[in-house]
Amino acid sequence: MMNLAMILQTMDQIFTTLIFIPMVFILYCRFTGFHKRTEKSRNLYRLCLVLIGLFLLRYFCDKFIYTEVNYEKLSGGMSPVIKAIFYPNH
């Protein structure tokens, strides 16, 4: 179980570190109209939008819901995935 938590923390760290790549791609598409050219570029644009939406949801949960102040309240029925991502030190 400890290895799974470490894998999830590593994946989360990589995701939060490399999220700027889809953001730059979306900015490029918005300024140039690249996402309107082919079906492949439209699908890539949509995938980047989904990734950024997931990042914003993760950031919101990290900063407003799963904070250190709320740990005692939420620790009763917390899943191991949430514990591994939002509370790595506990």
Protein backbone atom coordinates (compact mmCIF):
# COMPACT_ATOMS: atom_id res chain seq x y z
CA MET A 1 0.00 0.00 0.00
CA MET A 2 2.90 2.33 0.72
CA ASN A 3 4.28 1.83 -2.80
CA LEU A 4 0.91 2.72 -4.30
CA ALA A 5 0.80 5.93 -2.27
CA MET A 6 4.30 6.81 -3.43
CA ILE A 7 3.36 6.15 -7.06
CA LEU A 8 0.28 8.38 -6.73
CA GLN A 9 2.32 11.16 -5.15
CA THR A 10 4.90 10.95 -7.94
CA MET A 11 2.22 11.03 -10.64
CA ASP A 12 0.59 14.01 -8.94
CA GLN A 13 3.92 15.84 -8.72
CA ILE A 14 4.64 15.21 -12.41
CA PHE A 15 1.12 16.34 -13.37
CA THR A 16 1.34 19.57 -11.39
CA THR A 17 4.83 20.29 -12.71
CA LEU A 18 4.11 19.69 -16.40
CA ILE A 19 0.65 21.27 -16.62
CA PHE A 20 2.18 24.35 -18.25
CA ILE A 21 2.60 22.43 -21.54
CA PRO A 22 -1.16 22.09 -22.23
CA MET A 23 -1.65 25.69 -21.07
CA VAL A 24 0.91 26.96 -23.58
CA PHE A 25 -0.66 24.83 -26.33
CA ILE A 26 -4.12 26.29 -25.62
CA LEU A 27 -2.73 29.82 -25.71
CA TYR A 28 -1.02 29.03 -29.01
CA CYS A 29 -4.26 27.64 -30.44
CA ARG A 30 -6.33 30.59 -29.29
CA PHE A 31 -3.99 33.13 -30.88
CA THR A 32 -3.37 31.29 -34.15
CA GLY A 33 -6.58 29.32 -34.72
CA PHE A 34 -4.59 26.09 -34.94
CA HIS A 35 -7.31 24.05 -33.21
CA LYS A 36 -9.74 24.68 -36.10
CA ARG A 37 -7.59 23.09 -38.82
CA THR A 38 -7.81 19.31 -38.44
CA GLU A 39 -9.70 16.76 -36.39
CA LYS A 40 -6.49 15.66 -34.67
CA SER A 41 -5.64 19.18 -33.53
CA ARG A 42 -9.23 19.70 -32.28
CA ASN A 43 -9.02 16.49 -30.24
CA LEU A 44 -5.66 17.51 -28.81
CA TYR A 45 -7.10 20.92 -27.93
CA ARG A 46 -10.04 19.27 -26.15
CA LEU A 47 -7.69 16.93 -24.27
CA CYS A 48 -5.67 19.91 -23.09
CA LEU A 49 -8.86 21.60 -21.90
CA VAL A 50 -9.79 18.49 -19.90
CA LEU A 51 -6.31 18.28 -18.37
CA ILE A 52 -6.44 21.92 -17.32
CA GLY A 53 -9.92 21.41 -15.88
CA LEU A 54 -8.63 18.48 -13.83
CA PHE A 55 -5.73 20.58 -12.63
CA LEU A 56 -8.03 23.40 -11.56
CA LEU A 57 -10.26 20.93 -9.70
CA ARG A 58 -7.22 19.42 -7.96
CA TYR A 59 -5.91 22.88 -7.06
CA PHE A 60 -9.30 23.94 -5.66
CA CYS A 61 -9.55 20.79 -3.54
CA ASP A 62 -5.98 21.23 -2.31
CA LYS A 63 -6.35 24.86 -1.30
CA PHE A 64 -9.93 25.01 -0.03
CA ILE A 65 -11.24 21.57 0.97
CA TYR A 66 -8.39 19.23 1.94
CA THR A 67 -6.36 21.64 4.04
CA GLU A 68 -4.39 20.91 7.19
CA VAL A 69 -7.13 22.61 9.22
CA ASN A 70 -9.77 20.18 7.90
CA TYR A 71 -7.63 17.04 8.31
CA GLU A 72 -9.09 16.09 11.69
CA LYS A 73 -12.67 16.56 10.44
CA LEU A 74 -12.20 14.58 7.24
CA SER A 75 -9.81 11.85 8.37
CA GLY A 76 -12.57 9.51 9.56
CA GLY A 77 -13.86 8.26 6.21
CA MET A 78 -11.04 9.37 3.94
CA SER A 79 -9.94 7.10 1.11
CA PRO A 80 -6.24 6.19 0.77
CA VAL A 81 -6.07 7.96 -2.60
CA ILE A 82 -7.11 11.31 -1.11
CA LYS A 83 -4.75 10.77 1.80
CA ALA A 84 -1.84 10.02 -0.55
CA ILE A 85 -2.43 13.05 -2.79
CA PHE A 86 -3.52 15.78 -0.37
CA TYR A 87 -1.90 14.67 2.90
CA PRO A 88 1.48 13.10 2.07
CA ASN A 89 2.97 13.88 5.50
CA HIS A 90 0.29 12.11 7.58
